[in-house]
């Protein structure tokens, strides 16, 4: 049975952020499901709740698992949610996991600071979209530049979603994950803050730091991120217990 990939997006964005990866995987004949979390993308009118976020991931994973072993891929908030999901006491049917741009514990001062900054941007006359577009235009290649916003920006869900992340116990969940695991961070990613801690908690995980990228690793250098996915797919296909480099 062929490996199936389930993508979970980060905060504010939607399934559209994975367009480049979906095209690559589609061309390789690999099945893909990219979800929209509650309050995001096609579900913008819904409230964001952790329960429905986990239910969304679970539905996608179990649907994909009917067709083959599942590679779960989460970015930023989506990565944190996937850590909690994959690290349940009763493990879900996940055969491998790529956790991108999410090596930070969502609690305490760091989370409060992030929420304060997000509220400040949201208070701007254009809700910070001018600055967002300015940064994307200067950091992303033209062919991926529109992907993060193509499904709309979930500005109304952002603060509530961030507040709920404090309920996650990602380190406890991370310690329970036994499948092949890759942490993928941009060289200049602000969420590398707990990178070493995450490696200590999950010593079997491989850390991949993509040079000349920040938080939006999948869009800044999509060909490199695609190569990571190819490695993960090959590892699962080979049935290896540990990643081989």
C-alpha atoms as a PDB file:
ATOM      1  CA  UNK A   1       0.000   0.000   0.000  1.00  0.00           C
ATOM      2  CA  UNK A   2       1.329   3.432  -0.948  1.00  0.00           C
ATOM      3  CA  UNK A   3       2.245   6.013   1.672  1.00  0.00           C
ATOM      4  CA  UNK A   4      -0.414   8.677   2.194  1.00  0.00           C
ATOM      5  CA  UNK A   5       0.426  12.200   3.374  1.00  0.00           C
ATOM      6  CA  UNK A   6      -1.794  14.271   5.674  1.00  0.00           C
ATOM      7  CA  UNK A   7      -0.961  17.985   5.905  1.00  0.00           C
ATOM      8  CA  UNK A   8      -1.994  20.250   8.802  1.00  0.00           C
ATOM      9  CA  UNK A   9      -1.493  23.997   8.320  1.00  0.00           C
ATOM     10  CA  UNK A  10      -0.406  26.682  10.776  1.00  0.00           C
ATOM     11  CA  UNK A  11      -2.310  29.527  12.372  1.00  0.00           C
ATOM     12  CA  UNK A  12      -4.078  32.127  10.171  1.00  0.00           C
ATOM     13  CA  UNK A  13      -3.451  30.210   6.948  1.00  0.00           C
ATOM     14  CA  UNK A  14      -5.182  27.148   5.462  1.00  0.00           C
ATOM     15  CA  UNK A  15      -4.683  24.017   3.385  1.00  0.00           C
ATOM     16  CA  UNK A  16      -3.639  26.325   0.538  1.00  0.00           C
ATOM     17  CA  UNK A  17      -0.171  26.710   2.109  1.00  0.00           C
ATOM     18  CA  UNK A  18       0.716  23.198   0.933  1.00  0.00           C
ATOM     19  CA  UNK A  19       0.021  23.782  -2.779  1.00  0.00           C
ATOM     20  CA  UNK A  20       3.634  23.281  -3.903  1.00  0.00           C
ATOM     21  CA  UNK A  21       4.013  20.089  -1.866  1.00  0.00           C
ATOM     22  CA  UNK A  22       0.706  18.738  -3.097  1.00  0.00           C
ATOM     23  CA  UNK A  23       1.738  19.252  -6.717  1.00  0.00           C
ATOM     24  CA  UNK A  24       5.014  17.401  -6.137  1.00  0.00           C
ATOM     25  CA  UNK A  25       3.345  14.500  -4.354  1.00  0.00           C
ATOM     26  CA  UNK A  26       0.516  14.296  -6.885  1.00  0.00           C
ATOM     27  CA  UNK A  27       3.107  14.021  -9.659  1.00  0.00           C
ATOM     28  CA  UNK A  28       4.750  11.163  -7.766  1.00  0.00           C
ATOM     29  CA  UNK A  29       1.427   9.352  -7.373  1.00  0.00           C
ATOM     30  CA  UNK A  30       1.318   9.793  -3.587  1.00  0.00           C
ATOM     31  CA  UNK A  31      -2.068  10.359  -1.971  1.00  0.00           C
ATOM     32  CA  UNK A  32      -2.548  13.645  -0.148  1.00  0.00           C
ATOM     33  CA  UNK A  33      -5.106  15.072   2.263  1.00  0.00           C
ATOM     34  CA  UNK A  34      -4.640  18.710   3.350  1.00  0.00           C
ATOM     35  CA  UNK A  35      -7.119  19.727   6.040  1.00  0.00           C
ATOM     36  CA  UNK A  36      -8.617  23.072   6.966  1.00  0.00           C
ATOM     37  CA  UNK A  37      -8.733  23.430  10.737  1.00  0.00           C
ATOM     38  CA  UNK A  38     -11.838  24.970  12.333  1.00  0.00           C
ATOM     39  CA  UNK A  39     -11.891  28.736  11.957  1.00  0.00           C
ATOM     40  CA  UNK A  40      -9.555  28.590   8.959  1.00  0.00           C
ATOM     41  CA  UNK A  41      -9.847  28.411   5.186  1.00  0.00           C
ATOM     42  CA  UNK A  42     -13.142  26.936   4.038  1.00  0.00           C
ATOM     43  CA  UNK A  43     -14.196  26.721   7.714  1.00  0.00           C
ATOM     44  CA  UNK A  44     -13.599  30.374   8.560  1.00  0.00           C
ATOM     45  CA  UNK A  45     -17.127  30.773   9.932  1.00  0.00           C
ATOM     46  CA  UNK A  46     -16.598  28.074  12.563  1.00  0.00           C
ATOM     47  CA  UNK A  47     -15.089  28.720  15.996  1.00  0.00           C
ATOM     48  CA  UNK A  48     -11.668  27.263  16.637  1.00  0.00           C
ATOM     49  CA  UNK A  49     -11.643  24.597  19.349  1.00  0.00           C
ATOM     50  CA  UNK A  50      -8.974  22.065  20.222  1.00  0.00           C
ATOM     51  CA  UNK A  51     -11.512  19.248  20.269  1.00  0.00           C
ATOM     52  CA  UNK A  52     -12.614  19.937  16.700  1.00  0.00           C
ATOM     53  CA  UNK A  53      -9.034  20.522  15.568  1.00  0.00           C
ATOM     54  CA  UNK A  54      -8.038  17.089  16.847  1.00  0.00           C
ATOM     55  CA  UNK A  55     -11.185  15.548  15.381  1.00  0.00           C
ATOM     56  CA  UNK A  56     -10.308  17.093  12.008  1.00  0.00           C
ATOM     57  CA  UNK A  57      -6.801  15.639  12.081  1.00  0.00           C
ATOM     58  CA  UNK A  58      -8.089  12.256  13.220  1.00  0.00           C
ATOM     59  CA  UNK A  59     -10.679  12.042  10.447  1.00  0.00           C
ATOM     60  CA  UNK A  60      -8.037  12.802   7.837  1.00  0.00           C
ATOM     61  CA  UNK A  61      -5.518  10.346   9.283  1.00  0.00           C
ATOM     62  CA  UNK A  62      -8.005   7.480   9.545  1.00  0.00           C
ATOM     63  CA  UNK A  63      -9.322   8.122   6.051  1.00  0.00           C
ATOM     64  CA  UNK A  64      -5.781   8.117   4.672  1.00  0.00           C
ATOM     65  CA  UNK A  65      -4.855   5.002   6.690  1.00  0.00           C
ATOM     66  CA  UNK A  66      -7.473   3.039   4.764  1.00  0.00           C
ATOM     67  CA  UNK A  67      -5.278   3.489   1.673  1.00  0.00           C
ATOM     68  CA  UNK A  68      -1.798   3.078   3.152  1.00  0.00           C
ATOM     69  CA  UNK A  69       0.651   4.033   5.906  1.00  0.00           C
ATOM     70  CA  UNK A  70       0.289   7.686   6.910  1.00  0.00           C
ATOM     71  CA  UNK A  71       2.950  10.378   6.973  1.00  0.00           C
ATOM     72  CA  UNK A  72       1.615  13.218   9.127  1.00  0.00           C
ATOM     73  CA  UNK A  73       3.032  16.679   8.356  1.00  0.00           C
ATOM     74  CA  UNK A  74       2.245  19.709  10.516  1.00  0.00           C
ATOM     75  CA  UNK A  75       3.515  23.283  10.391  1.00  0.00           C
ATOM     76  CA  UNK A  76       3.721  25.728  13.318  1.00  0.00           C
ATOM     77  CA  UNK A  77       0.424  25.547  15.241  1.00  0.00           C
ATOM     78  CA  UNK A  78      -0.483  22.549  13.095  1.00  0.00           C
ATOM     79  CA  UNK A  79       2.772  20.891  14.105  1.00  0.00           C
ATOM     80  CA  UNK A  80       2.058  21.433  17.805  1.00  0.00           C
ATOM     81  CA  UNK A  81      -1.425  19.994  17.396  1.00  0.00           C
ATOM     82  CA  UNK A  82       0.021  17.007  15.556  1.00  0.00           C
ATOM     83  CA  UNK A  83       2.549  16.366  18.337  1.00  0.00           C
ATOM     84  CA  UNK A  84      -0.292  16.215  20.844  1.00  0.00           C
ATOM     85  CA  UNK A  85      -2.325  14.036  18.469  1.00  0.00           C
ATOM     86  CA  UNK A  86       0.462  11.602  17.532  1.00  0.00           C
ATOM     87  CA  UNK A  87       1.586  11.286  21.160  1.00  0.00           C
ATOM     88  CA  UNK A  88      -1.673   9.996  22.556  1.00  0.00           C
ATOM     89  CA  UNK A  89      -1.565   7.118  25.039  1.00  0.00           C
ATOM     90  CA  UNK A  90      -3.335   5.005  22.413  1.00  0.00           C
ATOM     91  CA  UNK A  91      -1.317   5.911  19.290  1.00  0.00           C
ATOM     92  CA  UNK A  92      -3.286   6.790  16.148  1.00  0.00           C
ATOM     93  CA  UNK A  93      -2.426   5.099  12.811  1.00  0.00           C
ATOM     94  CA  UNK A  94       0.531   7.331  11.971  1.00  0.00           C
ATOM     95  CA  UNK A  95       3.632   5.711  10.443  1.00  0.00           C
ATOM     96  CA  UNK A  96       5.857   8.794  10.358  1.00  0.00           C
ATOM     97  CA  UNK A  97       5.721  12.451  11.341  1.00  0.00           C
ATOM     98  CA  UNK A  98       7.313  15.647  10.028  1.00  0.00           C
ATOM     99  CA  UNK A  99       7.007  18.438  12.614  1.00  0.00           C
ATOM    100  CA  UNK A 100       7.890  21.704  10.885  1.00  0.00           C
ATOM    101  CA  UNK A 101       8.591  25.046  12.569  1.00  0.00           C
ATOM    102  CA  UNK A 102       7.130  24.012  15.916  1.00  0.00           C
ATOM    103  CA  UNK A 103       9.962  23.316  18.368  1.00  0.00           C
ATOM    104  CA  UNK A 104       8.613  25.690  21.020  1.00  0.00           C
ATOM    105  CA  UNK A 105       6.517  25.012  24.102  1.00  0.00           C
ATOM    106  CA  UNK A 106       3.317  27.096  23.732  1.00  0.00           C
ATOM    107  CA  UNK A 107       3.151  28.440  27.264  1.00  0.00           C
ATOM    108  CA  UNK A 108       4.351  31.223  29.518  1.00  0.00           C
ATOM    109  CA  UNK A 109       6.039  34.439  28.496  1.00  0.00           C
ATOM    110  CA  UNK A 110       6.726  33.372  24.909  1.00  0.00           C
ATOM    111  CA  UNK A 111       3.069  32.668  24.213  1.00  0.00           C
ATOM    112  CA  UNK A 112       1.925  35.858  25.963  1.00  0.00           C
ATOM    113  CA  UNK A 113       4.409  37.904  23.940  1.00  0.00           C
ATOM    114  CA  UNK A 114       3.266  36.308  20.681  1.00  0.00           C
ATOM    115  CA  UNK A 115      -0.376  37.026  21.510  1.00  0.00           C
ATOM    116  CA  UNK A 116       0.456  40.640  22.378  1.00  0.00           C
ATOM    117  CA  UNK A 117       2.260  41.121  19.071  1.00  0.00           C
ATOM    118  CA  UNK A 118      -0.568  39.474  17.144  1.00  0.00           C
ATOM    119  CA  UNK A 119      -3.116  41.738  18.831  1.00  0.00           C
ATOM    120  CA  UNK A 120      -0.985  44.754  17.951  1.00  0.00           C
ATOM    121  CA  UNK A 121      -0.935  43.812  14.271  1.00  0.00           C
ATOM    122  CA  UNK A 122      -4.658  43.094  14.363  1.00  0.00           C
ATOM    123  CA  UNK A 123      -5.309  46.575  15.761  1.00  0.00           C
ATOM    124  CA  UNK A 124      -3.761  48.246  12.717  1.00  0.00           C
ATOM    125  CA  UNK A 125      -6.221  49.834  10.251  1.00  0.00           C
ATOM    126  CA  UNK A 126      -5.670  46.999   7.752  1.00  0.00           C
ATOM    127  CA  UNK A 127      -5.298  44.359  10.493  1.00  0.00           C
ATOM    128  CA  UNK A 128      -1.631  44.067   9.602  1.00  0.00           C
ATOM    129  CA  UNK A 129      -2.176  42.807   6.079  1.00  0.00           C
ATOM    130  CA  UNK A 130       0.005  45.507   4.544  1.00  0.00           C
ATOM    131  CA  UNK A 131       2.977  44.384   6.642  1.00  0.00           C
ATOM    132  CA  UNK A 132       2.176  40.727   5.994  1.00  0.00           C
ATOM    133  CA  UNK A 133       2.163  41.247   2.239  1.00  0.00           C
ATOM    134  CA  UNK A 134       5.346  43.328   2.438  1.00  0.00           C
ATOM    135  CA  UNK A 135       7.208  40.557   4.283  1.00  0.00           C
ATOM    136  CA  UNK A 136       5.919  37.790   2.002  1.00  0.00           C
ATOM    137  CA  UNK A 137       6.892  39.758  -1.101  1.00  0.00           C
ATOM    138  CA  UNK A 138      10.456  40.051   0.154  1.00  0.00           C
ATOM    139  CA  UNK A 139      10.963  36.560   1.568  1.00  0.00           C
ATOM    140  CA  UNK A 140       9.033  34.095  -0.588  1.00  0.00           C
ATOM    141  CA  UNK A 141       9.741  33.120  -4.192  1.00  0.00           C
ATOM    142  CA  UNK A 142       7.131  34.328  -6.639  1.00  0.00           C
ATOM    143  CA  UNK A 143       5.707  30.879  -7.359  1.00  0.00           C
ATOM    144  CA  UNK A 144       4.760  30.235  -3.706  1.00  0.00           C
ATOM    145  CA  UNK A 145       4.127  33.811  -2.558  1.00  0.00           C
ATOM    146  CA  UNK A 146       0.338  33.668  -2.731  1.00  0.00           C
ATOM    147  CA  UNK A 147      -0.096  30.203  -1.234  1.00  0.00           C
ATOM    148  CA  UNK A 148      -0.333  31.231   2.418  1.00  0.00           C
ATOM    149  CA  UNK A 149      -3.169  33.640   1.792  1.00  0.00           C
ATOM    150  CA  UNK A 150      -4.939  31.835  -1.045  1.00  0.00           C
ATOM    151  CA  UNK A 151      -7.479  30.324   1.339  1.00  0.00           C
ATOM    152  CA  UNK A 152      -7.937  33.572   3.257  1.00  0.00           C
ATOM    153  CA  UNK A 153      -6.396  34.666   6.549  1.00  0.00           C
ATOM    154  CA  UNK A 154      -8.123  33.515   9.729  1.00  0.00           C
ATOM    155  CA  UNK A 155      -7.610  36.785  11.589  1.00  0.00           C
ATOM    156  CA  UNK A 156     -10.691  36.360  13.782  1.00  0.00           C
ATOM    157  CA  UNK A 157      -9.596  32.903  14.979  1.00  0.00           C
ATOM    158  CA  UNK A 158      -6.016  33.803  15.768  1.00  0.00           C
ATOM    159  CA  UNK A 159      -6.139  35.058  19.354  1.00  0.00           C
ATOM    160  CA  UNK A 160      -8.559  32.389  20.551  1.00  0.00           C
ATOM    161  CA  UNK A 161      -6.508  29.654  18.935  1.00  0.00           C
ATOM    162  CA  UNK A 162      -3.308  30.925  20.508  1.00  0.00           C
ATOM    163  CA  UNK A 163      -4.961  31.038  23.939  1.00  0.00           C
ATOM    164  CA  UNK A 164      -6.055  27.410  23.625  1.00  0.00           C
ATOM    165  CA  UNK A 165      -2.573  26.207  22.709  1.00  0.00           C
ATOM    166  CA  UNK A 166      -1.559  26.750  26.352  1.00  0.00           C
ATOM    167  CA  UNK A 167      -3.646  23.675  27.185  1.00  0.00           C
ATOM    168  CA  UNK A 168      -1.367  21.408  25.166  1.00  0.00           C
ATOM    169  CA  UNK A 169       1.185  19.190  26.916  1.00  0.00           C
ATOM    170  CA  UNK A 170       3.470  18.770  23.939  1.00  0.00           C
ATOM    171  CA  UNK A 171       6.524  17.497  25.823  1.00  0.00           C
ATOM    172  CA  UNK A 172       4.619  14.633  27.446  1.00  0.00           C
ATOM    173  CA  UNK A 173       3.051  13.777  24.105  1.00  0.00           C
ATOM    174  CA  UNK A 174       6.374  14.055  22.289  1.00  0.00           C
ATOM    175  CA  UNK A 175       8.002  11.554  24.634  1.00  0.00           C
ATOM    176  CA  UNK A 176       5.380   8.967  23.635  1.00  0.00           C
ATOM    177  CA  UNK A 177       5.947   9.226  19.877  1.00  0.00           C
ATOM    178  CA  UNK A 178       7.756   6.132  18.615  1.00  0.00           C
ATOM    179  CA  UNK A 179       7.392   6.451  14.842  1.00  0.00           C
ATOM    180  CA  UNK A 180      10.094   7.988  12.621  1.00  0.00           C
ATOM    181  CA  UNK A 181      10.109  11.695  13.413  1.00  0.00           C
ATOM    182  CA  UNK A 182      11.714  14.704  11.780  1.00  0.00           C
ATOM    183  CA  UNK A 183      11.923  18.231  13.184  1.00  0.00           C
ATOM    184  CA  UNK A 184      12.269  20.672  10.287  1.00  0.00           C
ATOM    185  CA  UNK A 185      13.165  24.285  11.084  1.00  0.00           C
ATOM    186  CA  UNK A 186      14.273  27.305   9.138  1.00  0.00           C
ATOM    187  CA  UNK A 187      17.685  28.665  10.052  1.00  0.00           C
ATOM    188  CA  UNK A 188      16.131  31.916  11.258  1.00  0.00           C
ATOM    189  CA  UNK A 189      12.890  30.495  12.638  1.00  0.00           C
ATOM    190  CA  UNK A 190      11.780  32.103  15.891  1.00  0.00           C
ATOM    191  CA  UNK A 191      10.234  28.805  16.991  1.00  0.00           C
ATOM    192  CA  UNK A 192      13.646  27.129  17.238  1.00  0.00           C
ATOM    193  CA  UNK A 193      13.719  28.403  20.819  1.00  0.00           C
ATOM    194  CA  UNK A 194      13.209  24.927  22.384  1.00  0.00           C
ATOM    195  CA  UNK A 195      14.908  22.910  19.653  1.00  0.00           C
ATOM    196  CA  UNK A 196      17.430  21.235  21.976  1.00  0.00           C
ATOM    197  CA  UNK A 197      14.762  20.450  24.558  1.00  0.00           C
ATOM    198  CA  UNK A 198      12.607  18.757  21.916  1.00  0.00           C
ATOM    199  CA  UNK A 199      15.610  16.699  20.809  1.00  0.00           C
ATOM    200  CA  UNK A 200      16.266  15.557  24.361  1.00  0.00           C
ATOM    201  CA  UNK A 201      12.656  14.527  24.833  1.00  0.00           C
ATOM    202  CA  UNK A 202      12.575  12.689  21.485  1.00  0.00           C
ATOM    203  CA  UNK A 203      16.179  11.473  20.989  1.00  0.00           C
ATOM    204  CA  UNK A 204      15.232   9.261  18.045  1.00  0.00           C
ATOM    205  CA  UNK A 205      14.067  12.287  16.029  1.00  0.00           C
ATOM    206  CA  UNK A 206      16.180  13.779  13.257  1.00  0.00           C
ATOM    207  CA  UNK A 207      16.639  17.546  13.154  1.00  0.00           C
ATOM    208  CA  UNK A 208      16.827  19.205   9.742  1.00  0.00           C
ATOM    209  CA  UNK A 209      17.630  22.926   9.661  1.00  0.00           C
ATOM    210  CA  UNK A 210      17.050  24.483   6.246  1.00  0.00           C
ATOM    211  CA  UNK A 211      19.556  27.283   5.561  1.00  0.00           C
ATOM    212  CA  UNK A 212      18.457  30.768   4.514  1.00  0.00           C
ATOM    213  CA  UNK A 213      14.872  30.284   5.637  1.00  0.00           C
ATOM    214  CA  UNK A 214      12.726  31.576   8.470  1.00  0.00           C
ATOM    215  CA  UNK A 215       9.402  30.277   9.752  1.00  0.00           C
ATOM    216  CA  UNK A 216       7.732  29.606   6.396  1.00  0.00           C
ATOM    217  CA  UNK A 217      10.085  26.780   5.438  1.00  0.00           C
ATOM    218  CA  UNK A 218       7.752  24.945   3.055  1.00  0.00           C
ATOM    219  CA  UNK A 219       7.222  28.053   0.926  1.00  0.00           C
ATOM    220  CA  UNK A 220      10.642  29.724   1.174  1.00  0.00           C
ATOM    221  CA  UNK A 221      12.533  26.714  -0.185  1.00  0.00           C
ATOM    222  CA  UNK A 222       9.827  24.302  -1.344  1.00  0.00           C
ATOM    223  CA  UNK A 223      12.223  22.056  -3.251  1.00  0.00           C
ATOM    224  CA  UNK A 224      14.195  21.388  -0.054  1.00  0.00           C
ATOM    225  CA  UNK A 225      11.044  20.735   1.954  1.00  0.00           C
ATOM    226  CA  UNK A 226       9.887  18.379  -0.802  1.00  0.00           C
ATOM    227  CA  UNK A 227      13.179  16.488  -0.424  1.00  0.00           C
ATOM    228  CA  UNK A 228      12.502  16.057   3.297  1.00  0.00           C
ATOM    229  CA  UNK A 229       9.086  14.634   2.490  1.00  0.00           C
ATOM    230  CA  UNK A 230      10.668  12.273  -0.045  1.00  0.00           C
ATOM    231  CA  UNK A 231      13.062  11.075   2.661  1.00  0.00           C
ATOM    232  CA  UNK A 232      10.198  10.500   5.081  1.00  0.00           C
ATOM    233  CA  UNK A 233       8.140   8.642   2.469  1.00  0.00           C
ATOM    234  CA  UNK A 234      11.119   6.447   1.539  1.00  0.00           C
ATOM    235  CA  UNK A 235      11.794   5.674   5.211  1.00  0.00           C
ATOM    236  CA  UNK A 236       8.209   4.581   5.765  1.00  0.00           C
ATOM    237  CA  UNK A 237       8.202   2.548   2.554  1.00  0.00           C
ATOM    238  CA  UNK A 238      11.357   0.770   3.656  1.00  0.00           C
ATOM    239  CA  UNK A 239       9.757  -0.073   6.967  1.00  0.00           C
ATOM    240  CA  UNK A 240      12.741   1.295   8.882  1.00  0.00           C
ATOM    241  CA  UNK A 241      12.295   1.697  12.625  1.00  0.00           C
ATOM    242  CA  UNK A 242      14.687   4.635  12.699  1.00  0.00           C
ATOM    243  CA  UNK A 243      15.463   7.240  10.013  1.00  0.00           C
ATOM    244  CA  UNK A 244      18.536   6.344   7.951  1.00  0.00           C
ATOM    245  CA  UNK A 245      20.767   9.096   6.535  1.00  0.00           C
END
